[in-house]
Amino acid sequence: MKPNTEPIKKIVAKIDAEIRALPVQNAPNMRVVRRKYSAKFRLVEPGFILSLARELLNNYNRRWFAYELIQGHKAASKCLRKPELEELGKGIDSWWTVDSFARTLSGPAWLQGQIADQLILKWARSKDRWWRRAALVSTVALNLRSQGGYGDVRRTLNICRVLAADHDDMVFKALSWALRQLAVHDPNAVRKFLKKYDDVLAARVKYEVNNKLRTGLKTPKRRI
């Protein structure tokens, strides 16, 4: 790793200007810009990447870009622990900010053993609906083969149990997602969970997860 002497604020202002100059500010176009900077800073110290991310997040509201910049730098992503994650997750307040945080940062960090189960359980018990959703979405990485997930029944269901009776729509939709992802690896464990918590689960959770177990799809297409 090597240090970078270019001022953080100057670099981030340049990144923001490039994003604003895009004809359409969508994920594919912004990812082109992000990949350019990931390549440029491939060999820098992880602390430099985290500083860039903080500046993007705190002063430019470029949350998605900040998260992807960290994800794209292996050493920086391996540095994430409880303090960094809770700092980077501060202000998550919508389904997309939560899912970007949990899919890109907290879930992979949990999968790699960088944070303890207790941190995710703490989020699951939060009064804040968005942190409760983050706990559930973090389980996706444990069960997503493309991210190295291997099917973690114990840790996934530990979080699902805490939130089985939560009927906040942003939470139970994430509960459905967590169970459906786990069903790919252990459908019997998911069936047992549905049976045990049948009295408290939201109807949508039961509908979508049972569809996944029966057909492999969240919502099967209707025959015409």
C-alpha atoms as a PDB file:
ATOM      1  CA  MET A   1       0.000   0.000   0.000  1.00  0.00           C
ATOM      2  CA  LYS A   2       1.138   3.543  -0.626  1.00  0.00           C
ATOM      3  CA  PRO A   3      -0.001   6.900   0.778  1.00  0.00           C
ATOM      4  CA  ASN A   4      -1.771   9.466  -1.388  1.00  0.00           C
ATOM      5  CA  THR A   5      -0.915  13.110  -0.939  1.00  0.00           C
ATOM      6  CA  GLU A   6      -3.696  14.597  -3.063  1.00  0.00           C
ATOM      7  CA  PRO A   7      -6.160  16.455  -0.788  1.00  0.00           C
ATOM      8  CA  ILE A   8      -9.317  14.479   0.042  1.00  0.00           C
ATOM      9  CA  LYS A   9     -11.646  17.448  -0.424  1.00  0.00           C
ATOM     10  CA  LYS A  10     -10.214  18.211  -3.866  1.00  0.00           C
ATOM     11  CA  ILE A  11     -10.627  14.607  -5.052  1.00  0.00           C
ATOM     12  CA  VAL A  12     -14.179  14.332  -3.766  1.00  0.00           C
ATOM     13  CA  ALA A  13     -15.165  17.648  -5.352  1.00  0.00           C
ATOM     14  CA  LYS A  14     -13.824  16.291  -8.632  1.00  0.00           C
ATOM     15  CA  ILE A  15     -15.792  13.050  -8.221  1.00  0.00           C
ATOM     16  CA  ASP A  16     -18.978  14.972  -7.474  1.00  0.00           C
ATOM     17  CA  ALA A  17     -18.469  17.191 -10.519  1.00  0.00           C
ATOM     18  CA  GLU A  18     -18.043  14.126 -12.755  1.00  0.00           C
ATOM     19  CA  ILE A  19     -21.226  12.576 -11.394  1.00  0.00           C
ATOM     20  CA  ARG A  20     -23.198  15.801 -11.890  1.00  0.00           C
ATOM     21  CA  ALA A  21     -21.899  16.015 -15.469  1.00  0.00           C
ATOM     22  CA  LEU A  22     -23.330  12.604 -16.360  1.00  0.00           C
ATOM     23  CA  PRO A  23     -26.220  12.776 -18.853  1.00  0.00           C
ATOM     24  CA  VAL A  24     -28.175  10.448 -16.561  1.00  0.00           C
ATOM     25  CA  GLN A  25     -27.223   9.908 -12.925  1.00  0.00           C
ATOM     26  CA  ASN A  26     -28.151   6.245 -12.662  1.00  0.00           C
ATOM     27  CA  ALA A  27     -26.269   3.312 -11.153  1.00  0.00           C
ATOM     28  CA  PRO A  28     -24.629   2.044 -14.382  1.00  0.00           C
ATOM     29  CA  ASN A  29     -23.306   5.497 -15.307  1.00  0.00           C
ATOM     30  CA  MET A  30     -22.110   6.304 -11.800  1.00  0.00           C
ATOM     31  CA  ARG A  31     -20.453   2.899 -11.596  1.00  0.00           C
ATOM     32  CA  VAL A  32     -18.280   3.829 -14.587  1.00  0.00           C
ATOM     33  CA  VAL A  33     -17.006   6.816 -12.595  1.00  0.00           C
ATOM     34  CA  ARG A  34     -16.589   4.715  -9.462  1.00  0.00           C
ATOM     35  CA  ARG A  35     -14.572   2.056 -11.297  1.00  0.00           C
ATOM     36  CA  LYS A  36     -12.285   4.746 -12.669  1.00  0.00           C
ATOM     37  CA  TYR A  37     -11.457   5.938  -9.155  1.00  0.00           C
ATOM     38  CA  SER A  38     -11.243   2.417  -7.766  1.00  0.00           C
ATOM     39  CA  ALA A  39      -8.608   1.651 -10.385  1.00  0.00           C
ATOM     40  CA  LYS A  40      -6.789   4.911  -9.689  1.00  0.00           C
ATOM     41  CA  PHE A  41      -6.644   4.259  -5.944  1.00  0.00           C
ATOM     42  CA  ARG A  42      -6.191   0.499  -6.052  1.00  0.00           C
ATOM     43  CA  LEU A  43      -2.885   0.606  -4.153  1.00  0.00           C
ATOM     44  CA  VAL A  44      -3.554   3.352  -1.632  1.00  0.00           C
ATOM     45  CA  GLU A  45      -3.851   2.831   2.116  1.00  0.00           C
ATOM     46  CA  PRO A  46      -7.329   1.710   3.254  1.00  0.00           C
ATOM     47  CA  GLY A  47      -7.583   4.743   5.542  1.00  0.00           C
ATOM     48  CA  PHE A  48      -7.432   6.996   2.505  1.00  0.00           C
ATOM     49  CA  ILE A  49     -10.415   5.216   0.920  1.00  0.00           C
ATOM     50  CA  LEU A  50     -12.393   5.452   4.164  1.00  0.00           C
ATOM     51  CA  SER A  51     -11.632   9.173   4.328  1.00  0.00           C
ATOM     52  CA  LEU A  52     -12.855   9.615   0.762  1.00  0.00           C
ATOM     53  CA  ALA A  53     -16.025   7.722   1.630  1.00  0.00           C
ATOM     54  CA  ARG A  54     -16.685   9.861   4.715  1.00  0.00           C
ATOM     55  CA  GLU A  55     -16.291  13.051   2.706  1.00  0.00           C
ATOM     56  CA  LEU A  56     -18.586  11.753  -0.042  1.00  0.00           C
ATOM     57  CA  LEU A  57     -21.172  10.714   2.509  1.00  0.00           C
ATOM     58  CA  ASN A  58     -21.091  13.631   4.915  1.00  0.00           C
ATOM     59  CA  ASN A  59     -20.591  16.593   2.598  1.00  0.00           C
ATOM     60  CA  TYR A  60     -21.963  15.448  -0.760  1.00  0.00           C
ATOM     61  CA  ASN A  61     -24.640  12.892   0.159  1.00  0.00           C
ATOM     62  CA  ARG A  62     -23.061  10.388  -2.243  1.00  0.00           C
ATOM     63  CA  ARG A  63     -23.924   7.397  -0.056  1.00  0.00           C
ATOM     64  CA  TRP A  64     -24.107   4.756  -2.804  1.00  0.00           C
ATOM     65  CA  PHE A  65     -20.838   5.897  -4.360  1.00  0.00           C
ATOM     66  CA  ALA A  66     -19.101   5.950  -0.965  1.00  0.00           C
ATOM     67  CA  TYR A  67     -20.199   2.405  -0.166  1.00  0.00           C
ATOM     68  CA  GLU A  68     -19.149   1.054  -3.551  1.00  0.00           C
ATOM     69  CA  LEU A  69     -15.789   2.801  -3.305  1.00  0.00           C
ATOM     70  CA  ILE A  70     -15.095   0.912  -0.074  1.00  0.00           C
ATOM     71  CA  GLN A  71     -16.393  -2.364  -1.495  1.00  0.00           C
ATOM     72  CA  GLY A  72     -14.111  -1.929  -4.507  1.00  0.00           C
ATOM     73  CA  HIS A  73     -11.003  -1.674  -2.327  1.00  0.00           C
ATOM     74  CA  LYS A  74     -10.313  -5.029  -0.656  1.00  0.00           C
ATOM     75  CA  ALA A  75      -8.086  -3.680   2.083  1.00  0.00           C
ATOM     76  CA  ALA A  76     -10.588  -0.955   3.005  1.00  0.00           C
ATOM     77  CA  SER A  77     -13.510  -3.373   3.108  1.00  0.00           C
ATOM     78  CA  LYS A  78     -11.504  -5.686   5.375  1.00  0.00           C
ATOM     79  CA  CYS A  79     -10.984  -2.809   7.829  1.00  0.00           C
ATOM     80  CA  LEU A  80     -14.692  -2.452   8.574  1.00  0.00           C
ATOM     81  CA  ARG A  81     -15.595  -3.110  12.177  1.00  0.00           C
ATOM     82  CA  LYS A  82     -18.437  -1.951  14.431  1.00  0.00           C
ATOM     83  CA  PRO A  83     -17.291   1.729  14.727  1.00  0.00           C
ATOM     84  CA  GLU A  84     -16.775   2.161  10.982  1.00  0.00           C
ATOM     85  CA  LEU A  85     -20.038   0.457  10.054  1.00  0.00           C
ATOM     86  CA  GLU A  86     -22.175   2.400  12.497  1.00  0.00           C
ATOM     87  CA  GLU A  87     -20.554   5.628  11.337  1.00  0.00           C
ATOM     88  CA  LEU A  88     -21.108   4.789   7.676  1.00  0.00           C
ATOM     89  CA  GLY A  89     -24.666   3.635   8.374  1.00  0.00           C
ATOM     90  CA  LYS A  90     -25.644   6.812  10.193  1.00  0.00           C
ATOM     91  CA  GLY A  91     -28.587   8.426   8.396  1.00  0.00           C
ATOM     92  CA  ILE A  92     -29.924   5.349   6.589  1.00  0.00           C
ATOM     93  CA  ASP A  93     -33.568   6.294   6.170  1.00  0.00           C
ATOM     94  CA  SER A  94     -35.030   4.517   3.138  1.00  0.00           C
ATOM     95  CA  TRP A  95     -35.146   1.035   1.661  1.00  0.00           C
ATOM     96  CA  TRP A  96     -32.430   1.823  -0.867  1.00  0.00           C
ATOM     97  CA  THR A  97     -29.993   3.394   1.614  1.00  0.00           C
ATOM     98  CA  VAL A  98     -30.446   0.443   3.978  1.00  0.00           C
ATOM     99  CA  ASP A  99     -30.096  -2.169   1.268  1.00  0.00           C
ATOM    100  CA  SER A 100     -27.029  -0.484  -0.198  1.00  0.00           C
ATOM    101  CA  PHE A 101     -25.414  -0.368   3.252  1.00  0.00           C
ATOM    102  CA  ALA A 102     -26.320  -3.925   4.256  1.00  0.00           C
ATOM    103  CA  ARG A 103     -25.640  -5.603   0.914  1.00  0.00           C
ATOM    104  CA  THR A 104     -22.405  -3.723   0.225  1.00  0.00           C
ATOM    105  CA  LEU A 105     -20.841  -3.283   3.654  1.00  0.00           C
ATOM    106  CA  SER A 106     -22.365  -4.856   6.756  1.00  0.00           C
ATOM    107  CA  GLY A 107     -23.462  -8.188   5.283  1.00  0.00           C
ATOM    108  CA  PRO A 108     -20.095  -8.988   3.682  1.00  0.00           C
ATOM    109  CA  ALA A 109     -18.269  -7.835   6.837  1.00  0.00           C
ATOM    110  CA  TRP A 110     -20.420 -10.178   8.916  1.00  0.00           C
ATOM    111  CA  LEU A 111     -19.834 -13.036   6.476  1.00  0.00           C
ATOM    112  CA  GLN A 112     -16.073 -12.520   6.766  1.00  0.00           C
ATOM    113  CA  GLY A 113     -16.149 -12.522  10.576  1.00  0.00           C
ATOM    114  CA  GLN A 114     -15.197  -8.856  10.924  1.00  0.00           C
ATOM    115  CA  ILE A 115     -18.142  -8.099  13.201  1.00  0.00           C
ATOM    116  CA  ALA A 116     -19.850 -10.159  15.877  1.00  0.00           C
ATOM    117  CA  ASP A 117     -23.360 -11.583  15.760  1.00  0.00           C
ATOM    118  CA  GLN A 118     -24.194  -9.349  18.725  1.00  0.00           C
ATOM    119  CA  LEU A 119     -23.912  -6.232  16.565  1.00  0.00           C
ATOM    120  CA  ILE A 120     -26.506  -7.483  14.075  1.00  0.00           C
ATOM    121  CA  LEU A 121     -28.749  -8.593  16.961  1.00  0.00           C
ATOM    122  CA  LYS A 122     -28.442  -5.105  18.428  1.00  0.00           C
ATOM    123  CA  TRP A 123     -29.665  -3.642  15.143  1.00  0.00           C
ATOM    124  CA  ALA A 124     -32.513  -6.167  15.021  1.00  0.00           C
ATOM    125  CA  ARG A 125     -33.708  -4.913  18.420  1.00  0.00           C
ATOM    126  CA  SER A 126     -33.412  -1.235  17.516  1.00  0.00           C
ATOM    127  CA  LYS A 127     -36.353   1.142  17.802  1.00  0.00           C
ATOM    128  CA  ASP A 128     -35.368   2.438  14.366  1.00  0.00           C
ATOM    129  CA  ARG A 129     -37.138   0.525  11.596  1.00  0.00           C
ATOM    130  CA  TRP A 130     -34.242   1.099   9.218  1.00  0.00           C
ATOM    131  CA  TRP A 131     -31.656  -0.549  11.476  1.00  0.00           C
ATOM    132  CA  ARG A 132     -34.037  -3.470  11.984  1.00  0.00           C
ATOM    133  CA  ARG A 133     -34.245  -3.821   8.212  1.00  0.00           C
ATOM    134  CA  ALA A 134     -30.443  -3.561   7.984  1.00  0.00           C
ATOM    135  CA  ALA A 135     -30.115  -6.535  10.328  1.00  0.00           C
ATOM    136  CA  LEU A 136     -32.294  -8.699   8.090  1.00  0.00           C
ATOM    137  CA  VAL A 137     -30.735  -7.567   4.820  1.00  0.00           C
ATOM    138  CA  SER A 138     -27.291  -8.273   6.294  1.00  0.00           C
ATOM    139  CA  THR A 139     -28.241 -11.966   6.401  1.00  0.00           C
ATOM    140  CA  VAL A 140     -28.495 -12.041   2.600  1.00  0.00           C
ATOM    141  CA  ALA A 141     -24.700 -12.107   2.251  1.00  0.00           C
ATOM    142  CA  LEU A 142     -24.561 -15.211   4.457  1.00  0.00           C
ATOM    143  CA  ASN A 143     -26.654 -17.101   1.930  1.00  0.00           C
ATOM    144  CA  LEU A 144     -25.778 -15.532  -1.407  1.00  0.00           C
ATOM    145  CA  ARG A 145     -23.410 -17.802  -3.306  1.00  0.00           C
ATOM    146  CA  SER A 146     -22.135 -14.987  -5.523  1.00  0.00           C
ATOM    147  CA  GLN A 147     -20.782 -13.277  -2.372  1.00  0.00           C
ATOM    148  CA  GLY A 148     -19.342 -16.460  -0.909  1.00  0.00           C
ATOM    149  CA  GLY A 149     -22.387 -17.225   1.226  1.00  0.00           C
ATOM    150  CA  TYR A 150     -22.714 -20.860   2.166  1.00  0.00           C
ATOM    151  CA  GLY A 151     -26.133 -21.094   3.819  1.00  0.00           C
ATOM    152  CA  ASP A 152     -25.944 -20.012   7.437  1.00  0.00           C
ATOM    153  CA  VAL A 153     -29.122 -21.325   9.028  1.00  0.00           C
ATOM    154  CA  ARG A 154     -28.232 -20.513  12.616  1.00  0.00           C
ATOM    155  CA  ARG A 155     -27.254 -16.878  12.188  1.00  0.00           C
ATOM    156  CA  THR A 156     -29.981 -16.116   9.661  1.00  0.00           C
ATOM    157  CA  LEU A 157     -32.785 -17.560  11.755  1.00  0.00           C
ATOM    158  CA  ASN A 158     -31.452 -15.933  14.935  1.00  0.00           C
ATOM    159  CA  ILE A 159     -32.177 -12.569  13.318  1.00  0.00           C
ATOM    160  CA  CYS A 160     -35.449 -13.711  11.762  1.00  0.00           C
ATOM    161  CA  ARG A 161     -36.747 -14.910  15.140  1.00  0.00           C
ATOM    162  CA  VAL A 162     -36.222 -11.507  16.707  1.00  0.00           C
ATOM    163  CA  LEU A 163     -38.259  -9.856  13.953  1.00  0.00           C
ATOM    164  CA  ALA A 164     -40.827 -12.560  13.169  1.00  0.00           C
ATOM    165  CA  ALA A 165     -43.689 -10.540  14.683  1.00  0.00           C
ATOM    166  CA  ASP A 166     -42.589  -7.159  13.300  1.00  0.00           C
ATOM    167  CA  HIS A 167     -45.312  -5.891  10.944  1.00  0.00           C
ATOM    168  CA  ASP A 168     -43.578  -2.737   9.792  1.00  0.00           C
ATOM    169  CA  ASP A 169     -43.712  -3.095   6.008  1.00  0.00           C
ATOM    170  CA  MET A 170     -40.037  -2.229   5.520  1.00  0.00           C
ATOM    171  CA  VAL A 171     -39.119  -4.906   8.038  1.00  0.00           C
ATOM    172  CA  PHE A 172     -41.383  -7.783   7.073  1.00  0.00           C
ATOM    173  CA  LYS A 173     -40.502  -7.343   3.400  1.00  0.00           C
ATOM    174  CA  ALA A 174     -36.854  -7.787   4.390  1.00  0.00           C
ATOM    175  CA  LEU A 175     -37.814 -10.790   6.521  1.00  0.00           C
ATOM    176  CA  SER A 176     -39.365 -12.386   3.447  1.00  0.00           C
ATOM    177  CA  TRP A 177     -36.175 -11.692   1.498  1.00  0.00           C
ATOM    178  CA  ALA A 178     -33.964 -13.198   4.212  1.00  0.00           C
ATOM    179  CA  LEU A 179     -36.038 -16.379   4.408  1.00  0.00           C
ATOM    180  CA  ARG A 180     -36.272 -16.765   0.644  1.00  0.00           C
ATOM    181  CA  GLN A 181     -32.509 -16.485   0.301  1.00  0.00           C
ATOM    182  CA  LEU A 182     -31.983 -19.071   3.030  1.00  0.00           C
ATOM    183  CA  ALA A 183     -34.518 -21.387   1.369  1.00  0.00           C
ATOM    184  CA  VAL A 184     -32.080 -21.894  -1.498  1.00  0.00           C
ATOM    185  CA  HIS A 185     -29.785 -23.741   0.929  1.00  0.00           C
ATOM    186  CA  ASP A 186     -32.112 -25.283   3.522  1.00  0.00           C
ATOM    187  CA  PRO A 187     -35.795 -25.298   2.578  1.00  0.00           C
ATOM    188  CA  ASN A 188     -36.692 -27.584   5.475  1.00  0.00           C
ATOM    189  CA  ALA A 189     -35.323 -25.142   8.045  1.00  0.00           C
ATOM    190  CA  VAL A 190     -37.398 -22.383   6.463  1.00  0.00           C
ATOM    191  CA  ARG A 191     -40.542 -24.559   6.459  1.00  0.00           C
ATOM    192  CA  LYS A 192     -40.077 -25.271  10.164  1.00  0.00           C
ATOM    193  CA  PHE A 193     -39.635 -21.554  10.837  1.00  0.00           C
ATOM    194  CA  LEU A 194     -42.851 -20.702   8.968  1.00  0.00           C
ATOM    195  CA  LYS A 195     -44.760 -23.345  10.900  1.00  0.00           C
ATOM    196  CA  LYS A 196     -43.404 -22.273  14.296  1.00  0.00           C
ATOM    197  CA  TYR A 197     -44.128 -18.568  13.767  1.00  0.00           C
ATOM    198  CA  ASP A 198     -47.280 -18.917  11.686  1.00  0.00           C
ATOM    199  CA  ASP A 199     -49.407 -17.030  14.242  1.00  0.00           C
ATOM    200  CA  VAL A 200     -47.266 -13.882  14.182  1.00  0.00           C
ATOM    201  CA  LEU A 201     -45.780 -13.665  10.684  1.00  0.00           C
ATOM    202  CA  ALA A 202     -47.158 -11.076   8.264  1.00  0.00           C
ATOM    203  CA  ALA A 203     -49.366 -12.626   5.578  1.00  0.00           C
ATOM    204  CA  ARG A 204     -47.054 -11.362   2.841  1.00  0.00           C
ATOM    205  CA  VAL A 205     -44.076 -13.150   4.369  1.00  0.00           C
ATOM    206  CA  LYS A 206     -45.938 -16.467   4.409  1.00  0.00           C
ATOM    207  CA  TYR A 207     -47.246 -15.951   0.865  1.00  0.00           C
ATOM    208  CA  GLU A 208     -43.892 -15.047  -0.707  1.00  0.00           C
ATOM    209  CA  VAL A 209     -41.773 -17.579   1.174  1.00  0.00           C
ATOM    210  CA  ASN A 210     -44.219 -20.422   0.565  1.00  0.00           C
ATOM    211  CA  ASN A 211     -44.230 -19.519  -3.126  1.00  0.00           C
ATOM    212  CA  LYS A 212     -40.430 -19.654  -3.122  1.00  0.00           C
ATOM    213  CA  LEU A 213     -40.465 -23.057  -1.440  1.00  0.00           C
ATOM    214  CA  ARG A 214     -43.099 -24.429  -3.790  1.00  0.00           C
ATOM    215  CA  THR A 215     -42.128 -22.905  -7.152  1.00  0.00           C
ATOM    216  CA  GLY A 216     -38.708 -21.323  -6.713  1.00  0.00           C
ATOM    217  CA  LEU A 217     -40.252 -17.895  -7.354  1.00  0.00           C
ATOM    218  CA  LYS A 218     -41.333 -15.091  -5.041  1.00  0.00           C
ATOM    219  CA  THR A 219     -44.509 -14.468  -7.043  1.00  0.00           C
ATOM    220  CA  PRO A 220     -45.307 -17.100  -9.682  1.00  0.00           C
ATOM    221  CA  LYS A 221     -46.713 -15.854 -12.965  1.00  0.00           C
ATOM    222  CA  ARG A 222     -50.406 -16.419 -13.406  1.00  0.00           C
ATOM    223  CA  ARG A 223     -51.550 -18.582 -16.264  1.00  0.00           C
ATOM    224  CA  ILE A 224     -53.640 -16.783 -18.877  1.00  0.00           C
END
